């Protein structure tokens, strides 16, 4: 039997502590699944075994603006938590998908903010618009990644019996203890990601953030050092051998083959992230995030080379401002890897699509199929395995393309602009330094020797010089 209970935040917090102390440890990790759709600021449906005392008073039952804002997100199924992701039952933390936690996980502080807004005359529908705006300022992928930080933080607080009221705003001492507890269990980057998730949760609740105060900068450095064993090995680059294996495995006259090949060469020679050119899944396709066939496209000729340019509607660094993907035709030994030919072939084979069709969608009989990131990687992974090549991932195309352009003598600043890097920090992605560095060093020496010879009217050909032996 279910009962509807209304109660104040302080009353429930006191009740929850008393109930938690009575429950066996084995039950503390299980959360009733009927709370999955419960709203953070609304009355809850509670099992009779968890019903609060009758003395709890009836309080405000206004519509919850957070739940209203959540309706603007695509429907998503709530799944049973995996082992290690369980949480003790709490009215503040309904079971919701990870990307909804920053919005729907609440706190006494969040309840107070809601009340302040009401007292200020901000209607509930306007509050919902605020939260919808905050959602638009983030991506589903970022919120999903940051959801892990909220989960680990509340698991830590549950183990330490930290009161709900002390969890937001989180004091710098509590945050320091949280980081110290995690040091040596994962990479420093992972711990920083947890903190970023907590920071976003505080932002969604208009709470002050103390994650950069006191001991925290030093503890983050300690986390980086202790987390070295957990760091992933550097991702290898896609090479021209990988590209040729892909081409050999595809029928470039088919819709699927044409789309696959064009996407592979565009990611490689355009130094773009795979997620900027193809959608992560059909269900996550969005006109705001994913480029379609009606995007701005142009072809030109520069210094005898064909150039294809198309606009990407969203990138990681520019977000909704997007960027242009610029592809330059390859010649000579690499003519078979030409991205301009591949792009023209894709447009010709997969012709006459609806305007809103994803850029690299392909025709299959009388319908259109979406080339997703997962489909692309599964197909190429099988190809690389069959060819005996190292298995590489989506980011490897961008890395490999930058390496090949650097080996060809293209300036780092040009590669930086081509791939949409905001600084030369992208150099950390470069591989095959044993080829790149000697090539550039010897080229620099050659230029210096030539300049010296010109100034002093010497022959640049050192074999023509006579040296007296001592």
Protein backbone atom coordinates (compact mmCIF):
# COMPACT_ATOMS: atom_id res chain seq x y z
CA UNK A 1 0.00 0.00 0.00
CA UNK A 2 1.24 3.50 -0.87
CA UNK A 3 0.55 6.64 1.12
CA UNK A 4 0.97 10.26 0.08
CA UNK A 5 3.04 12.22 2.59
CA UNK A 6 3.57 15.97 2.81
CA UNK A 7 6.22 17.33 5.13
CA UNK A 8 8.80 20.07 5.51
CA UNK A 9 12.44 19.58 4.62
CA UNK A 10 13.67 19.74 8.22
CA UNK A 11 10.96 17.34 9.36
CA UNK A 12 11.80 14.81 6.70
CA UNK A 13 15.55 15.09 7.32
CA UNK A 14 15.02 14.28 11.00
CA UNK A 15 12.67 11.45 10.13
CA UNK A 16 15.03 10.04 7.49
CA UNK A 17 17.92 9.88 9.96
CA UNK A 18 15.82 7.97 12.45
CA UNK A 19 14.56 5.57 9.78
CA UNK A 20 18.04 5.02 8.31
CA UNK A 21 19.42 4.06 11.71
CA UNK A 22 16.73 1.35 12.01
CA UNK A 23 17.31 -0.23 8.60
CA UNK A 24 19.77 -3.11 8.12
CA UNK A 25 22.94 -2.23 6.21
CA UNK A 26 21.89 -4.48 3.33
CA UNK A 27 18.80 -2.36 2.75
CA UNK A 28 20.62 0.97 2.72
CA UNK A 29 21.92 0.40 -0.81
CA UNK A 30 18.50 -0.30 -2.31
CA UNK A 31 16.27 2.48 -3.55
CA UNK A 32 12.54 2.04 -4.20
CA UNK A 33 12.04 2.25 -7.96
CA UNK A 34 8.71 4.00 -7.70
CA UNK A 35 10.69 7.16 -6.82
CA UNK A 36 12.17 7.31 -10.34
CA UNK A 37 9.70 9.95 -11.47
CA UNK A 38 9.34 11.70 -8.15
CA UNK A 39 10.10 15.41 -8.30
CA UNK A 40 12.61 17.07 -5.97
CA UNK A 41 10.17 19.60 -4.53
CA UNK A 42 6.90 17.66 -4.69
CA UNK A 43 5.08 15.29 -2.30
CA UNK A 44 6.28 11.69 -2.66
CA UNK A 45 4.60 8.34 -2.87
CA UNK A 46 6.18 6.31 -0.09
CA UNK A 47 5.75 2.65 0.79
CA UNK A 48 3.83 2.22 4.03
CA UNK A 49 6.97 0.89 5.71
CA UNK A 50 8.64 4.25 5.06
CA UNK A 51 5.67 6.49 5.80
CA UNK A 52 6.46 9.42 8.11
CA UNK A 53 4.74 9.90 11.46
CA UNK A 54 1.21 11.32 11.38
CA UNK A 55 2.45 14.41 13.24
CA UNK A 56 4.24 15.69 10.12
CA UNK A 57 2.41 18.73 8.88
CA UNK A 58 1.01 19.42 5.44
CA UNK A 59 3.26 21.90 3.59
CA UNK A 60 3.50 23.59 0.22
CA UNK A 61 2.61 21.30 -2.69
CA UNK A 62 3.22 23.70 -5.58
CA UNK A 63 4.15 22.23 -8.98
CA UNK A 64 7.85 21.48 -9.28
CA UNK A 65 9.60 23.64 -11.92
CA UNK A 66 12.46 21.16 -12.19
CA UNK A 67 10.22 18.31 -13.25
CA UNK A 68 8.56 20.64 -15.75
CA UNK A 69 11.96 21.57 -17.17
CA UNK A 70 12.91 17.90 -17.39
CA UNK A 71 10.02 17.38 -19.82
CA UNK A 72 12.01 19.41 -22.37
CA UNK A 73 14.58 16.59 -22.51
CA UNK A 74 14.12 13.54 -24.76
CA UNK A 75 12.41 10.62 -22.98
CA UNK A 76 14.91 8.27 -21.43
CA UNK A 77 14.41 4.98 -19.65
CA UNK A 78 15.42 4.75 -16.01
CA UNK A 79 17.52 1.66 -15.37
CA UNK A 80 18.27 -0.32 -12.26
CA UNK A 81 21.58 0.89 -10.75
CA UNK A 82 24.54 -1.34 -11.50
CA UNK A 83 26.65 -2.86 -8.75
CA UNK A 84 28.60 -0.12 -7.01
CA UNK A 85 26.16 2.60 -8.08
CA UNK A 86 23.57 2.01 -5.36
CA UNK A 87 22.50 4.78 -3.00
CA UNK A 88 20.69 4.83 0.31
CA UNK A 89 17.07 5.89 -0.10
CA UNK A 90 16.51 9.63 0.04
CA UNK A 91 13.67 11.93 -0.87
CA UNK A 92 16.25 14.23 -2.42
CA UNK A 93 17.68 11.71 -4.88
CA UNK A 94 15.09 9.90 -7.01
CA UNK A 95 16.35 7.26 -9.41
CA UNK A 96 16.75 9.11 -12.70
CA UNK A 97 19.12 8.79 -15.68
CA UNK A 98 22.60 10.13 -14.95
CA UNK A 99 22.18 13.18 -17.20
CA UNK A 100 19.14 14.28 -15.14
CA UNK A 101 20.84 14.20 -11.72
CA UNK A 102 22.12 17.78 -11.77
CA UNK A 103 18.54 18.91 -12.34
CA UNK A 104 16.41 16.48 -10.34
CA UNK A 105 18.64 15.65 -7.37
CA UNK A 106 17.79 18.16 -4.71
CA UNK A 107 18.72 19.37 -1.22
CA UNK A 108 17.34 21.50 1.62
CA UNK A 109 19.22 24.43 0.07
CA UNK A 110 17.43 23.88 -3.25
CA UNK A 111 14.09 23.91 -1.44
CA UNK A 112 15.04 27.26 0.12
CA UNK A 113 15.96 28.68 -3.30
CA UNK A 114 12.56 27.58 -4.58
CA UNK A 115 10.87 29.37 -1.69
CA UNK A 116 12.97 32.51 -2.25
CA UNK A 117 11.92 32.62 -5.86
CA UNK A 118 8.26 32.31 -4.90
CA UNK A 119 8.60 35.09 -2.32
CA UNK A 120 10.25 37.25 -4.98
CA UNK A 121 7.20 36.81 -7.19
CA UNK A 122 8.91 34.50 -9.70
CA UNK A 123 6.14 32.23 -10.92
CA UNK A 124 6.68 28.49 -11.16
CA UNK A 125 6.44 28.57 -14.96
CA UNK A 126 9.22 31.18 -15.07
CA UNK A 127 11.31 29.08 -12.72
CA UNK A 128 10.90 26.19 -15.13
CA UNK A 129 12.13 28.44 -17.95
CA UNK A 130 15.25 29.19 -15.89
CA UNK A 131 16.02 25.49 -15.53
CA UNK A 132 15.32 24.87 -19.21
CA UNK A 133 17.87 27.58 -20.01
CA UNK A 134 20.43 25.93 -17.73
CA UNK A 135 19.83 22.63 -19.52
CA UNK A 136 20.39 24.29 -22.89
CA UNK A 137 23.72 25.65 -21.64
CA UNK A 138 24.99 22.08 -21.22
CA UNK A 139 25.02 18.95 -23.36
CA UNK A 140 23.44 15.60 -22.56
CA UNK A 141 26.88 13.98 -22.75
CA UNK A 142 28.43 16.44 -20.29
CA UNK A 143 25.57 16.10 -17.81
CA UNK A 144 25.74 12.32 -18.06
CA UNK A 145 29.48 12.35 -17.40
CA UNK A 146 29.10 14.77 -14.49
CA UNK A 147 26.34 12.65 -12.98
CA UNK A 148 29.05 10.27 -11.74
CA UNK A 149 30.44 12.99 -9.49
CA UNK A 150 27.09 13.50 -7.78
CA UNK A 151 26.69 9.77 -7.24
CA UNK A 152 30.16 9.33 -5.68
CA UNK A 153 29.79 12.43 -3.53
CA UNK A 154 26.51 11.29 -2.00
CA UNK A 155 27.82 7.77 -1.50
CA UNK A 156 30.74 9.33 0.40
CA UNK A 157 28.39 11.49 2.46
CA UNK A 158 26.13 8.53 3.23
CA UNK A 159 29.10 6.53 4.52
CA UNK A 160 30.08 9.42 6.76
CA UNK A 161 26.49 10.22 7.86
CA UNK A 162 26.85 13.78 6.53
CA UNK A 163 23.53 15.61 7.05
CA UNK A 164 21.62 16.61 3.93
CA UNK A 165 21.79 20.28 4.84
CA UNK A 166 25.60 20.16 4.87
CA UNK A 167 25.87 18.71 1.37
CA UNK A 168 24.85 21.93 -0.39
CA UNK A 169 26.56 24.28 -0.41
CA UNK A 170 29.40 21.83 0.21
CA UNK A 171 31.96 23.30 2.60
CA UNK A 172 35.57 23.34 1.40
CA UNK A 173 36.49 21.00 4.26
CA UNK A 174 33.87 18.47 3.16
CA UNK A 175 35.08 18.73 -0.44
CA UNK A 176 38.68 18.29 0.72
CA UNK A 177 37.71 15.13 2.61
CA UNK A 178 35.84 13.84 -0.45
CA UNK A 179 38.88 14.34 -2.69
CA UNK A 180 41.30 12.91 -0.11
CA UNK A 181 39.12 9.80 0.21
CA UNK A 182 39.28 9.23 -3.56
CA UNK A 183 43.01 9.86 -4.06
CA UNK A 184 44.75 6.76 -5.35
CA UNK A 185 41.56 5.02 -6.48
CA UNK A 186 41.29 6.60 -9.95
CA UNK A 187 43.07 9.14 -12.12
CA UNK A 188 43.36 12.77 -11.14
CA UNK A 189 41.33 13.64 -14.22
CA UNK A 190 38.54 11.38 -12.95
CA UNK A 191 38.47 13.13 -9.57
CA UNK A 192 38.43 16.54 -11.27
CA UNK A 193 35.50 15.35 -13.35
CA UNK A 194 33.64 14.42 -10.15
CA UNK A 195 34.27 17.92 -8.82
CA UNK A 196 33.08 19.44 -12.09
CA UNK A 197 29.84 17.51 -11.69
CA UNK A 198 29.39 18.83 -8.16
CA UNK A 199 30.15 22.35 -9.34
CA UNK A 200 27.45 22.08 -12.03
CA UNK A 201 24.97 20.77 -9.44
CA UNK A 202 25.72 23.78 -7.26
CA UNK A 203 25.29 26.08 -10.26
CA UNK A 204 21.87 24.56 -11.06
CA UNK A 205 20.85 25.33 -7.48
CA UNK A 206 22.36 28.83 -7.27
CA UNK A 207 24.64 27.64 -4.48
CA UNK A 208 28.13 29.04 -3.79
CA UNK A 209 31.03 26.80 -4.82
CA UNK A 210 34.16 26.32 -2.72
CA UNK A 211 35.89 23.71 -4.87
CA UNK A 212 38.96 25.86 -5.48
CA UNK A 213 39.51 27.04 -1.91
CA UNK A 214 41.72 25.97 0.96
CA UNK A 215 43.43 22.61 0.57
CA UNK A 216 41.69 21.68 -2.66
CA UNK A 217 44.28 22.96 -5.20
CA UNK A 218 47.02 20.96 -3.43
CA UNK A 219 44.81 17.89 -3.10
CA UNK A 220 44.05 17.99 -6.83
CA UNK A 221 47.78 17.94 -7.55
CA UNK A 222 48.15 15.00 -5.17
CA UNK A 223 45.32 13.25 -7.02
CA UNK A 224 47.13 13.78 -10.34
CA UNK A 225 50.33 12.21 -9.00
CA UNK A 226 48.66 9.29 -7.24
CA UNK A 227 46.41 8.67 -10.24
CA UNK A 228 49.19 8.08 -12.78
CA UNK A 229 48.74 4.25 -12.71
CA UNK A 230 45.08 4.73 -13.64
CA UNK A 231 45.73 6.94 -16.67
CA UNK A 232 44.84 5.46 -20.02
CA UNK A 233 47.74 4.82 -22.37
CA UNK A 234 48.06 7.41 -25.16
CA UNK A 235 45.66 6.75 -27.99
CA UNK A 236 47.43 5.75 -31.17
CA UNK A 237 46.77 7.63 -34.40
CA UNK A 238 44.95 6.44 -37.46
CA UNK A 239 47.55 5.94 -40.18
CA UNK A 240 47.26 5.88 -43.94
CA UNK A 241 47.46 2.10 -43.67
CA UNK A 242 44.28 2.17 -41.57
CA UNK A 243 42.55 4.35 -44.17
CA UNK A 244 43.55 2.07 -47.02
CA UNK A 245 42.23 -0.93 -45.09
CA UNK A 246 38.90 0.86 -44.65
CA UNK A 247 38.70 1.71 -48.35
CA UNK A 248 39.55 -1.83 -49.41
CA UNK A 249 36.74 -3.21 -47.23
CA UNK A 250 34.01 -0.94 -48.64
CA UNK A 251 31.93 -0.84 -51.79
CA UNK A 252 32.21 2.87 -52.60
CA UNK A 253 29.30 2.66 -55.04
CA UNK A 254 26.91 1.68 -52.23
CA UNK A 255 25.24 4.21 -49.98
CA UNK A 256 26.81 2.77 -46.84
CA UNK A 257 30.30 2.49 -48.33
CA UNK A 258 30.23 6.02 -49.74
CA UNK A 259 29.12 7.51 -46.40
CA UNK A 260 31.65 5.51 -44.39
CA UNK A 261 34.56 6.45 -46.63
CA UNK A 262 33.68 10.14 -46.81
CA UNK A 263 33.28 10.37 -43.05
CA UNK A 264 36.61 8.60 -42.42
CA UNK A 265 38.58 10.86 -44.76
CA UNK A 266 36.84 14.01 -43.49
CA UNK A 267 37.70 13.19 -39.88
CA UNK A 268 41.29 12.39 -40.85
CA UNK A 269 42.25 15.18 -43.27
CA UNK A 270 39.91 17.73 -41.65
CA UNK A 271 41.27 16.89 -38.16
CA UNK A 272 37.73 16.81 -36.78
CA UNK A 273 36.27 14.94 -33.84
CA UNK A 274 34.16 11.98 -34.92
CA UNK A 275 31.27 13.22 -32.76
CA UNK A 276 31.23 16.50 -34.71
CA UNK A 277 30.45 14.74 -37.99
CA UNK A 278 28.17 11.86 -36.96
CA UNK A 279 25.58 11.52 -34.22
CA UNK A 280 26.20 9.27 -31.23
CA UNK A 281 22.87 7.46 -31.71
CA UNK A 282 19.65 7.79 -33.68
CA UNK A 283 17.70 8.69 -30.54
CA UNK A 284 20.11 11.52 -29.68
CA UNK A 285 20.00 13.19 -33.11
CA UNK A 286 19.38 16.92 -32.72
CA UNK A 287 19.28 19.72 -35.29
CA UNK A 288 21.14 21.93 -32.80
CA UNK A 289 24.01 19.47 -32.42
CA UNK A 290 24.17 17.37 -35.60
CA UNK A 291 24.95 18.63 -39.09
CA UNK A 292 22.45 17.85 -41.85
CA UNK A 293 22.62 17.64 -45.64
CA UNK A 294 21.28 21.17 -46.10
CA UNK A 295 24.33 22.65 -44.37
CA UNK A 296 26.35 25.32 -46.18
CA UNK A 297 28.68 23.55 -48.64
CA UNK A 298 31.13 24.91 -51.23
CA UNK A 299 33.81 23.70 -53.65
CA UNK A 300 36.77 25.72 -54.89
CA UNK A 301 40.28 25.40 -56.32
CA UNK A 302 43.35 26.77 -54.50
CA UNK A 303 46.85 26.51 -56.03
CA UNK A 304 45.69 23.70 -58.28
CA UNK A 305 44.10 21.69 -55.46
CA UNK A 306 40.37 21.08 -55.18
CA UNK A 307 38.94 22.18 -51.82
CA UNK A 308 35.61 21.18 -50.26
CA UNK A 309 34.17 23.09 -47.31
CA UNK A 310 31.07 22.35 -45.27
CA UNK A 311 29.74 23.92 -42.08
CA UNK A 312 29.50 21.93 -38.86
CA UNK A 313 26.68 23.23 -36.65
CA UNK A 314 28.32 22.32 -33.31
CA UNK A 315 31.83 21.69 -32.02
CA UNK A 316 33.23 21.01 -28.58
CA UNK A 317 35.08 24.33 -28.41
CA UNK A 318 32.68 26.69 -30.23
CA UNK A 319 29.41 24.91 -29.29
CA UNK A 320 26.48 26.35 -31.29
CA UNK A 321 28.71 28.70 -33.31
CA UNK A 322 29.99 25.66 -35.15
CA UNK A 323 32.93 25.67 -37.55
CA UNK A 324 33.89 24.95 -41.14
CA UNK A 325 35.41 21.61 -42.06
CA UNK A 326 37.95 22.27 -44.82
CA UNK A 327 39.10 19.36 -46.99
CA UNK A 328 41.97 19.69 -49.47
CA UNK A 329 42.46 17.20 -52.29
CA UNK A 330 45.43 14.87 -51.95
CA UNK A 331 47.65 13.99 -54.90
CA UNK A 332 50.52 11.71 -55.82
CA UNK A 333 50.84 8.59 -53.70
CA UNK A 334 47.85 9.63 -51.58
CA UNK A 335 45.39 10.29 -54.39
CA UNK A 336 43.44 7.19 -53.33
CA UNK A 337 42.84 8.83 -49.93
CA UNK A 338 41.46 12.11 -51.34
CA UNK A 339 38.76 13.53 -49.01
CA UNK A 340 37.32 15.82 -51.70
CA UNK A 341 36.70 12.91 -54.06
CA UNK A 342 35.20 10.92 -51.19
CA UNK A 343 32.84 13.78 -50.25
CA UNK A 344 31.70 14.31 -53.85
CA UNK A 345 31.15 10.57 -54.20
CA UNK A 346 29.03 10.49 -51.03
CA UNK A 347 26.86 13.37 -52.25
CA UNK A 348 26.40 11.69 -55.64
CA UNK A 349 25.66 8.16 -54.40
CA UNK A 350 23.42 9.32 -51.53
CA UNK A 351 21.61 11.95 -53.58
CA UNK A 352 18.26 13.70 -53.08
CA UNK A 353 17.87 13.30 -49.30
CA UNK A 354 15.33 15.18 -47.17
CA UNK A 355 16.79 18.47 -45.91
CA UNK A 356 16.94 17.34 -42.29
CA UNK A 357 18.83 14.14 -43.09
CA UNK A 358 22.13 13.81 -41.15
CA UNK A 359 25.13 14.78 -43.29
CA UNK A 360 26.52 11.26 -43.53
CA UNK A 361 23.22 9.39 -43.66
CA UNK A 362 23.04 6.85 -46.46
CA UNK A 363 20.41 5.46 -48.77
CA UNK A 364 19.33 1.85 -48.28
CA UNK A 365 16.77 0.79 -50.86
CA UNK A 366 13.92 3.29 -50.51
CA UNK A 367 14.78 4.58 -47.04
CA UNK A 368 17.54 6.50 -45.28
CA UNK A 369 19.79 5.15 -42.54
CA UNK A 370 21.79 7.19 -40.05
CA UNK A 371 25.53 6.55 -39.85
CA UNK A 372 26.06 6.64 -36.09
CA UNK A 373 29.33 6.85 -34.22
CA UNK A 374 28.83 3.35 -32.83
CA UNK A 375 28.12 1.82 -36.25
CA UNK A 376 31.15 3.55 -37.75
CA UNK A 377 33.51 2.36 -35.01
CA UNK A 378 32.16 -1.20 -34.97
CA UNK A 379 32.64 -1.46 -38.72
CA UNK A 380 36.18 -0.05 -38.72
CA UNK A 381 37.24 -2.10 -35.67
CA UNK A 382 36.32 -5.30 -37.51
CA UNK A 383 38.25 -4.08 -40.55
CA UNK A 384 41.39 -3.30 -38.53
CA UNK A 385 41.25 -6.65 -36.77
CA UNK A 386 41.01 -8.49 -40.08
CA UNK A 387 43.95 -6.49 -41.45
CA UNK A 388 46.10 -7.07 -38.37
CA UNK A 389 46.23 -3.35 -37.56
CA UNK A 390 46.12 -1.68 -34.15
CA UNK A 391 42.55 -0.98 -33.05
CA UNK A 392 42.03 2.74 -32.69
CA UNK A 393 39.12 4.94 -31.67
CA UNK A 394 37.20 8.00 -32.83
CA UNK A 395 39.67 10.60 -31.60
CA UNK A 396 42.48 8.76 -33.38
CA UNK A 397 41.37 10.12 -36.78
CA UNK A 398 41.95 13.67 -35.61
CA UNK A 399 45.31 12.72 -34.10
CA UNK A 400 46.42 10.83 -37.19
CA UNK A 401 45.41 13.61 -39.53
CA UNK A 402 47.38 16.20 -37.58
CA UNK A 403 50.45 13.93 -37.58
CA UNK A 404 50.33 13.43 -41.35
CA UNK A 405 49.92 17.16 -41.98
CA UNK A 406 52.81 17.95 -39.66
CA UNK A 407 55.00 15.41 -41.44
CA UNK A 408 54.05 17.12 -44.69
CA UNK A 409 55.41 20.40 -43.33
CA UNK A 410 52.15 22.17 -42.52
CA UNK A 411 52.67 24.75 -39.77
CA UNK A 412 51.26 23.89 -36.31
CA UNK A 413 49.22 27.11 -36.25
CA UNK A 414 47.48 26.10 -39.48
CA UNK A 415 46.69 22.63 -38.12
CA UNK A 416 45.39 24.25 -34.94
CA UNK A 417 42.91 26.36 -36.92
CA UNK A 418 41.96 23.48 -39.22
CA UNK A 419 41.04 21.15 -36.36
CA UNK A 420 39.41 23.78 -34.17
CA UNK A 421 41.94 23.64 -31.34
CA UNK A 422 41.90 26.79 -29.24
CA UNK A 423 45.60 26.67 -28.38
CA UNK A 424 48.80 24.80 -29.14
CA UNK A 425 47.97 22.43 -26.27
CA UNK A 426 46.83 20.06 -29.03
CA UNK A 427 50.51 19.16 -29.43
CA UNK A 428 50.04 16.62 -26.63
CA UNK A 429 48.03 14.53 -29.09
CA UNK A 430 50.82 14.19 -31.61
CA UNK A 431 52.42 10.80 -32.01
CA UNK A 432 55.37 9.47 -34.03
CA UNK A 433 57.63 12.14 -32.59
CA UNK A 434 60.62 10.03 -33.54
CA UNK A 435 59.83 11.04 -37.14
CA UNK A 436 58.45 14.52 -36.57
CA UNK A 437 61.14 16.03 -34.36
CA UNK A 438 64.25 15.01 -36.35
CA UNK A 439 62.55 16.16 -39.54
CA UNK A 440 61.74 19.60 -38.17
CA UNK A 441 65.09 19.98 -36.38
CA UNK A 442 67.10 19.12 -39.49
CA UNK A 443 64.89 21.44 -41.55
CA UNK A 444 65.60 24.24 -39.07
CA UNK A 445 69.35 23.51 -39.25
CA UNK A 446 69.25 23.55 -43.04
CA UNK A 447 67.54 26.95 -43.05
CA UNK A 448 70.07 28.35 -40.56
CA UNK A 449 73.05 27.02 -42.58
CA UNK A 450 71.62 28.44 -45.80
CA UNK A 451 71.12 31.87 -44.21
CA UNK A 452 74.66 31.86 -42.80
CA UNK A 453 76.11 30.87 -46.18
CA UNK A 454 74.19 33.62 -47.93
CA UNK A 455 75.35 36.33 -45.49
CA UNK A 456 79.00 35.34 -45.79
CA UNK A 457 78.94 34.60 -49.52
CA UNK A 458 79.77 30.93 -49.01
CA UNK A 459 78.52 28.04 -51.04
CA UNK A 460 75.52 26.32 -49.49
CA UNK A 461 76.88 23.00 -50.80
CA UNK A 462 79.15 21.91 -47.94
CA UNK A 463 80.72 19.23 -50.13
CA UNK A 464 82.31 22.02 -52.18
CA UNK A 465 84.07 23.51 -49.17
CA UNK A 466 87.69 22.69 -48.34
CA UNK A 467 88.62 22.34 -44.67
CA UNK A 468 92.21 22.27 -43.44
CA UNK A 469 92.80 19.44 -41.04
CA UNK A 470 94.56 20.32 -37.78
